[in-house]
Amino acid sequence: MEKKARNNIKASRVLNRNGFYDSSVSRAYYAVYLAAWHYLKGMNIYPSHRAPKGGYYWPHHKFPEILCDEYGCIGPEQMEKLELIYFRRIKADYMVDKIEKEEALNSLSIATNFIAFFLDKRGKVE
């Protein structure tokens, strides 16, 4: 999960630089999702939701709350930031409206802070 998270944040940066804001936001969110998964795995915490075609996963729509309320890995402000980039990912992947440059830059910034926290163990998410 760590390598996938790092590759996704790198991809988000490249996509953002080249004006692919929808794809950048999607990759930024998934970088955080995978980094948080890796972080929880390091504490021997594993997802309990079984995927229809095998394996397990953390439900995206509940993941910010799980990280905050259930495991206390992040605070309420960080939960709101994770919810924000999750909803932008939904907008980017499923809605007609396009992600604007400012939204993409903000999502990338938020995701970079989460990566520093979850993977590099550097302080808290700002």
Protein backbone atom coordinates (compact mmCIF):
# COMPACT_ATOMS: atom_id res chain seq x y z
CA MET A 1 0.00 0.00 0.00
CA GLU A 2 2.83 2.44 0.76
CA LYS A 3 4.33 2.25 -2.73
CA LYS A 4 0.91 2.62 -4.34
CA ALA A 5 0.20 5.64 -2.15
CA ARG A 6 3.49 7.29 -3.11
CA ASN A 7 2.94 6.53 -6.79
CA ASN A 8 -0.57 8.01 -6.63
CA ILE A 9 0.64 11.28 -5.07
CA LYS A 10 3.37 11.51 -7.74
CA ALA A 11 0.78 10.88 -10.46
CA SER A 12 -1.48 13.53 -8.94
CA ARG A 13 1.34 16.09 -9.18
CA VAL A 14 2.06 15.23 -12.83
CA LEU A 15 -1.61 15.30 -13.77
CA ASN A 16 -2.08 18.63 -12.00
CA ARG A 17 0.90 20.22 -13.76
CA ASN A 18 -0.56 19.13 -17.09
CA GLY A 19 -4.05 20.45 -16.46
CA PHE A 20 -5.79 17.12 -15.81
CA TYR A 21 -7.48 18.38 -12.66
CA ASP A 22 -10.20 15.72 -12.39
CA SER A 23 -7.65 12.93 -12.58
CA SER A 24 -5.27 14.76 -10.25
CA VAL A 25 -7.94 15.05 -7.55
CA SER A 26 -8.86 11.39 -7.92
CA ARG A 27 -5.24 10.25 -7.58
CA ALA A 28 -4.68 12.62 -4.61
CA TYR A 29 -7.61 11.08 -2.75
CA TYR A 30 -6.47 7.53 -3.47
CA ALA A 31 -2.95 8.37 -2.32
CA VAL A 32 -4.38 9.34 1.08
CA TYR A 33 -6.73 6.34 1.19
CA LEU A 34 -3.86 3.93 0.55
CA ALA A 35 -1.50 5.73 2.92
CA ALA A 36 -4.08 5.60 5.72
CA TRP A 37 -4.65 1.90 4.98
CA HIS A 38 -0.89 1.33 5.30
CA TYR A 39 -0.82 3.32 8.54
CA LEU A 40 -3.61 1.23 10.06
CA LYS A 41 -1.96 -1.98 8.89
CA GLY A 42 1.14 -0.91 10.83
CA MET A 43 -1.05 -0.94 13.95
CA ASN A 44 -2.46 -4.38 13.02
CA ILE A 45 -5.82 -2.88 12.10
CA TYR A 46 -7.40 -4.37 9.00
CA PRO A 47 -10.62 -3.65 7.09
CA SER A 48 -13.57 -5.90 7.79
CA HIS A 49 -15.65 -5.16 4.68
CA ARG A 50 -15.43 -7.97 2.17
CA ALA A 51 -15.32 -7.06 -1.50
CA PRO A 52 -17.77 -8.92 -3.78
CA LYS A 53 -14.95 -10.36 -5.88
CA GLY A 54 -12.61 -11.15 -2.97
CA GLY A 55 -10.39 -9.26 -0.58
CA TYR A 56 -11.27 -6.60 1.95
CA TYR A 57 -11.55 -2.82 1.85
CA TRP A 58 -12.29 0.27 3.90
CA PRO A 59 -15.60 1.86 2.79
CA HIS A 60 -14.71 5.22 1.27
CA HIS A 61 -17.79 7.08 2.50
CA LYS A 62 -17.08 6.05 6.11
CA PHE A 63 -13.28 6.11 6.09
CA PRO A 64 -12.76 9.67 7.41
CA GLU A 65 -15.10 8.95 10.31
CA ILE A 66 -13.45 5.58 10.97
CA LEU A 67 -10.01 7.21 11.13
CA CYS A 68 -11.26 9.96 13.44
CA ASP A 69 -13.92 8.48 15.66
CA GLU A 70 -13.13 4.78 15.71
CA TYR A 71 -9.33 4.79 15.79
CA GLY A 72 -8.43 8.38 16.75
CA CYS A 73 -5.73 8.62 14.06
CA ILE A 74 -6.89 12.06 12.95
CA GLY A 75 -8.86 14.86 14.56
CA PRO A 76 -12.16 16.43 13.48
CA GLU A 77 -10.45 19.12 11.35
CA GLN A 78 -8.44 16.48 9.50
CA MET A 79 -11.58 14.39 9.09
CA GLU A 80 -13.23 17.37 7.36
CA LYS A 81 -10.25 17.74 5.03
CA LEU A 82 -10.35 14.06 4.14
CA GLU A 83 -14.10 14.30 3.53
CA LEU A 84 -13.47 17.31 1.28
CA ILE A 85 -10.99 15.51 -0.96
CA TYR A 86 -13.24 12.44 -0.97
CA PHE A 87 -16.20 14.53 -2.20
CA ARG A 88 -13.99 16.19 -4.80
CA ARG A 89 -12.98 12.71 -5.98
CA ILE A 90 -16.68 11.87 -6.37
CA LYS A 91 -17.18 15.10 -8.33
CA ALA A 92 -14.13 14.37 -10.49
CA ASP A 93 -15.03 10.78 -11.27
CA TYR A 94 -18.84 10.81 -11.46
CA MET A 95 -20.25 14.30 -11.99
CA VAL A 96 -20.54 16.46 -15.07
CA ASP A 97 -18.94 19.47 -13.36
CA LYS A 98 -15.20 19.64 -13.78
CA ILE A 99 -12.68 20.21 -11.02
CA GLU A 100 -11.20 23.69 -11.14
CA LYS A 101 -7.46 24.34 -10.91
CA GLU A 102 -7.77 25.83 -7.40
CA GLU A 103 -9.67 22.76 -6.15
CA ALA A 104 -7.02 20.48 -7.60
CA LEU A 105 -4.17 22.46 -6.06
CA ASN A 106 -5.91 22.47 -2.69
CA SER A 107 -6.63 18.73 -2.85
CA LEU A 108 -3.01 18.03 -3.74
CA SER A 109 -1.84 20.16 -0.82
CA ILE A 110 -4.16 18.37 1.61
CA ALA A 111 -3.11 14.98 0.26
CA THR A 112 0.59 15.85 0.53
CA ASN A 113 0.10 16.73 4.20
CA PHE A 114 -1.72 13.46 4.84
CA ILE A 115 1.08 11.52 3.11
CA ALA A 116 3.65 13.24 5.31
CA PHE A 117 1.61 12.25 8.36
CA PHE A 118 0.66 8.67 7.46
CA LEU A 119 3.81 7.54 5.65
CA ASP A 120 6.60 9.80 6.82
CA LYS A 121 5.33 10.20 10.42
CA ARG A 122 5.97 13.96 10.30
CA GLY A 123 3.71 15.77 12.72
CA LYS A 124 0.02 16.29 12.21
CA VAL A 125 -2.07 17.05 9.18
CA GLU A 126 -2.49 20.80 8.80
